[in-house]
Amino acid sequence: MYDLADVLPDAELDPGSNVLIAGPPLTGKRQIALDILASGADRGDGSIIITTKDSADKVLDEYTAQVDGDADIGVVDCVTKQRGIGAVDDDSRIKYASSPVDMTGIGIKLSEFLQEFYEGRGRTESRVLLYSVSTLLMYSNLQTVFRFLHVFTGRIQSAEALGVYVIDSTAHDDQTMNTLKQLFDAVIEVEASDDEDEPKIRTAGLST
């Protein structure tokens, strides 16, 4: 089981589960997702982040600052090549997809990291973050993103990893949100609250 207690009290998910974190901007969705990965890293889980918004260097700086000790992390960067910021090559921590449109490339890089973590690095559990689904929907239509996520969530299930996905719920209509939610085992909905430091959280599908 993947214990989320450090983030959501008494919550846990079975291996191979996929959870969607949805909410408006500036409600702490991304931080909750990073906390889920960081809490796993502190337990010895591997961490894989697919970033469609920020460069790998920025993600690594932000994430490693949250983790005690040396985290075993891999980042799939879908931004740097698109921006044309010089020549970049894959290394042990960063793999590059050409852009958020390159969903085939993203899937390949994810599979490479999962194989490395389980076979090469001896990790028995890994947590994978895709930030964000909304960026994918900016570049591709719902049908294309749905097919990609169907394959992506299947890879997570096969690897018995934990998949965490972030989406800006206010950027998409109800039909889009309801269609995408079918792909996930659990949904965490985040809303603004009167307490600026503590967003209001509702969950569905989480074991407690």
Protein backbone atom coordinates (compact mmCIF):
# COMPACT_ATOMS: atom_id res chain seq x y z
CA MET A 1 0.00 0.00 0.00
CA TYR A 2 1.07 3.56 -0.65
CA ASP A 3 0.63 5.51 2.57
CA LEU A 4 -0.42 9.15 2.12
CA ALA A 5 -0.67 9.84 5.85
CA ASP A 6 1.94 12.61 5.78
CA VAL A 7 -0.30 14.50 3.34
CA LEU A 8 -3.84 13.21 3.97
CA PRO A 9 -4.38 11.65 7.42
CA ASP A 10 -5.16 7.91 7.38
CA ALA A 11 -5.27 7.75 3.56
CA GLU A 12 -3.66 5.03 1.47
CA LEU A 13 -3.83 3.60 -2.04
CA ASP A 14 -3.19 0.16 -3.48
CA PRO A 15 -0.12 -0.40 -5.69
CA GLY A 16 -0.95 0.48 -9.28
CA SER A 17 -3.39 3.23 -8.32
CA ASN A 18 -3.79 6.56 -10.12
CA VAL A 19 -5.07 9.67 -8.33
CA LEU A 20 -6.17 12.96 -9.86
CA ILE A 21 -5.69 16.21 -7.92
CA ALA A 22 -8.14 18.81 -9.24
CA GLY A 23 -8.91 22.38 -8.29
CA PRO A 24 -8.70 26.06 -9.24
CA PRO A 25 -5.37 27.90 -9.56
CA LEU A 26 -3.49 28.92 -6.41
CA THR A 27 -5.18 26.39 -4.13
CA GLY A 28 -2.08 24.30 -3.40
CA LYS A 29 -2.70 21.39 -5.81
CA ARG A 30 0.90 21.23 -6.97
CA GLN A 31 2.24 21.35 -3.43
CA ILE A 32 -0.02 18.50 -2.34
CA ALA A 33 1.24 16.45 -5.29
CA LEU A 34 4.88 17.20 -4.44
CA ASP A 35 4.22 16.35 -0.80
CA ILE A 36 2.84 12.95 -1.82
CA LEU A 37 6.05 12.24 -3.74
CA ALA A 38 8.32 13.63 -1.03
CA SER A 39 6.64 11.58 1.70
CA GLY A 40 7.28 8.49 -0.40
CA ALA A 41 10.91 9.43 -1.01
CA ASP A 42 11.44 9.66 2.75
CA ARG A 43 10.19 6.05 2.93
CA GLY A 44 12.56 4.89 0.18
CA ASP A 45 10.20 5.11 -2.80
CA GLY A 46 11.50 6.30 -6.16
CA SER A 47 10.13 9.57 -7.56
CA ILE A 48 9.44 10.38 -11.22
CA ILE A 49 8.12 13.79 -12.29
CA ILE A 50 6.83 14.55 -15.79
CA THR A 51 6.89 18.32 -16.12
CA THR A 52 5.03 20.09 -18.91
CA LYS A 53 5.35 23.58 -17.39
CA ASP A 54 8.77 24.08 -15.77
CA SER A 55 12.28 23.00 -16.70
CA ALA A 56 13.81 19.93 -15.07
CA ASP A 57 16.39 22.06 -13.23
CA LYS A 58 13.66 24.13 -11.58
CA VAL A 59 11.68 21.03 -10.64
CA LEU A 60 14.74 19.30 -9.19
CA ASP A 61 15.68 22.35 -7.10
CA GLU A 62 12.17 22.65 -5.72
CA TYR A 63 11.67 18.96 -5.06
CA THR A 64 15.04 18.08 -3.52
CA ALA A 65 14.61 20.96 -1.06
CA GLN A 66 11.60 19.08 0.36
CA VAL A 67 13.26 15.68 0.74
CA ASP A 68 15.47 14.45 3.55
CA GLY A 69 18.76 13.12 2.18
CA ASP A 70 19.40 12.12 -1.42
CA ALA A 71 16.16 11.37 -3.27
CA ASP A 72 16.15 8.81 -6.06
CA ILE A 73 14.40 10.96 -8.65
CA GLY A 74 13.92 11.08 -12.40
CA VAL A 75 12.43 13.98 -14.35
CA VAL A 76 10.89 13.86 -17.82
CA ASP A 77 11.30 17.42 -19.11
CA CYS A 78 8.78 18.33 -21.85
CA VAL A 79 9.72 22.02 -21.83
CA THR A 80 13.41 22.64 -22.51
CA LYS A 81 13.62 21.26 -26.05
CA GLN A 82 10.43 23.07 -27.03
CA ARG A 83 11.97 26.36 -25.89
CA GLY A 84 15.13 25.66 -27.88
CA ILE A 85 17.47 26.40 -24.98
CA GLY A 86 20.64 24.88 -26.45
CA ALA A 87 21.46 21.20 -26.93
CA VAL A 88 20.47 18.86 -24.11
CA ASP A 89 21.10 15.16 -23.56
CA ASP A 90 19.47 12.61 -21.28
CA ASP A 91 21.32 11.68 -18.09
CA SER A 92 20.62 9.58 -15.00
CA ARG A 93 18.17 12.14 -13.55
CA ILE A 94 16.69 13.93 -16.58
CA LYS A 95 15.20 12.66 -19.83
CA TYR A 96 13.86 15.05 -22.44
CA ALA A 97 10.70 14.84 -24.55
CA SER A 98 10.45 17.24 -27.46
CA SER A 99 7.31 19.00 -26.19
CA PRO A 100 4.00 18.39 -24.35
CA VAL A 101 2.60 17.31 -27.74
CA ASP A 102 5.12 14.45 -27.92
CA MET A 103 3.01 12.04 -25.90
CA THR A 104 4.65 8.99 -27.45
CA GLY A 105 8.05 10.32 -26.34
CA ILE A 106 6.73 11.10 -22.86
CA GLY A 107 5.46 7.54 -22.50
CA ILE A 108 8.78 6.09 -23.67
CA LYS A 109 10.79 8.20 -21.21
CA LEU A 110 8.45 7.19 -18.37
CA SER A 111 8.87 3.51 -19.21
CA GLU A 112 12.65 3.91 -19.29
CA PHE A 113 12.68 5.45 -15.83
CA LEU A 114 10.34 2.79 -14.41
CA GLN A 115 12.57 0.05 -15.79
CA GLU A 116 15.69 1.72 -14.41
CA PHE A 117 14.14 2.21 -10.98
CA TYR A 118 12.89 -1.34 -10.60
CA GLU A 119 15.65 -3.26 -12.37
CA GLY A 120 18.69 -1.01 -12.09
CA ARG A 121 18.13 0.83 -8.82
CA GLY A 122 16.27 -1.84 -6.89
CA ARG A 123 13.24 0.29 -6.06
CA THR A 124 10.19 -1.79 -5.20
CA GLU A 125 7.83 1.20 -5.16
CA SER A 126 7.77 4.45 -7.13
CA ARG A 127 5.55 7.50 -7.18
CA VAL A 128 4.99 9.29 -10.50
CA LEU A 129 3.74 12.88 -10.88
CA LEU A 130 2.37 14.34 -14.11
CA TYR A 131 2.20 18.12 -13.89
CA SER A 132 -0.01 19.02 -15.52
CA VAL A 133 -2.87 17.49 -17.47
CA SER A 134 -4.15 20.99 -18.25
CA THR A 135 -1.00 21.76 -20.25
CA LEU A 136 -1.54 18.63 -22.35
CA LEU A 137 -5.08 19.80 -23.07
CA MET A 138 -3.75 23.18 -24.22
CA TYR A 139 -1.82 21.47 -27.02
CA SER A 140 -4.05 18.51 -27.91
CA ASN A 141 -7.75 17.67 -27.96
CA LEU A 142 -9.57 15.72 -25.27
CA GLN A 143 -9.70 12.48 -27.27
CA THR A 144 -5.93 12.47 -27.80
CA VAL A 145 -5.19 13.28 -24.15
CA PHE A 146 -7.67 10.66 -22.96
CA ARG A 147 -5.98 7.97 -25.07
CA PHE A 148 -2.56 9.02 -23.79
CA LEU A 149 -3.67 8.98 -20.16
CA HIS A 150 -5.35 5.60 -20.66
CA VAL A 151 -2.00 4.15 -21.72
CA PHE A 152 -0.10 6.14 -19.08
CA THR A 153 -2.30 5.00 -16.20
CA GLY A 154 -2.01 1.44 -17.52
CA ARG A 155 1.78 1.65 -17.27
CA ILE A 156 1.47 2.82 -13.67
CA GLN A 157 -0.86 -0.07 -12.91
CA SER A 158 1.44 -2.64 -14.52
CA ALA A 159 4.44 -1.32 -12.59
CA GLU A 160 2.44 -1.28 -9.32
CA ALA A 161 3.56 2.32 -8.92
CA LEU A 162 1.46 5.27 -7.70
CA GLY A 163 0.40 7.83 -10.30
CA VAL A 164 -0.42 11.41 -9.27
CA TYR A 165 -1.87 13.87 -11.79
CA VAL A 166 -2.69 17.57 -11.43
CA ILE A 167 -5.37 19.45 -13.37
CA ASP A 168 -6.80 22.99 -13.20
CA SER A 169 -10.49 22.18 -12.93
CA THR A 170 -11.60 25.72 -13.82
CA ALA A 171 -9.80 25.60 -17.18
CA HIS A 172 -12.03 22.81 -18.51
CA ASP A 173 -15.77 22.23 -18.81
CA ASP A 174 -17.68 19.66 -16.77
CA GLN A 175 -17.83 17.18 -19.64
CA THR A 176 -14.04 17.20 -19.97
CA MET A 177 -13.53 16.78 -16.24
CA ASN A 178 -16.07 13.96 -15.98
CA THR A 179 -14.54 12.16 -18.96
CA LEU A 180 -11.03 12.32 -17.51
CA LYS A 181 -12.08 11.30 -14.00
CA GLN A 182 -13.10 7.90 -15.37
CA LEU A 183 -9.41 7.05 -15.74
CA PHE A 184 -8.53 7.45 -12.06
CA ASP A 185 -8.96 5.28 -8.99
CA ALA A 186 -9.24 8.28 -6.68
CA VAL A 187 -9.82 12.03 -6.95
CA ILE A 188 -8.62 14.73 -4.57
CA GLU A 189 -10.54 17.97 -5.05
CA VAL A 190 -8.90 21.09 -3.65
CA GLU A 191 -10.78 24.32 -2.99
CA ALA A 192 -9.85 27.67 -1.51
CA SER A 193 -10.82 28.17 2.12
CA ASP A 194 -10.94 31.03 4.60
CA ASP A 195 -7.63 29.74 6.00
CA GLU A 196 -5.10 30.73 3.31
CA ASP A 197 -2.58 28.14 4.55
CA GLU A 198 -5.00 25.20 4.61
CA PRO A 199 -7.06 24.55 1.47
CA LYS A 200 -10.33 22.66 1.69
CA ILE A 201 -9.84 19.07 0.50
CA ARG A 202 -12.45 16.50 -0.56
CA THR A 203 -11.56 12.98 -1.59
CA ALA A 204 -13.23 10.11 -3.41
CA GLY A 205 -11.84 6.60 -3.79
CA LEU A 206 -9.22 6.79 -1.04
CA SER A 207 -9.01 4.00 1.56
CA THR A 208 -8.92 5.29 5.12
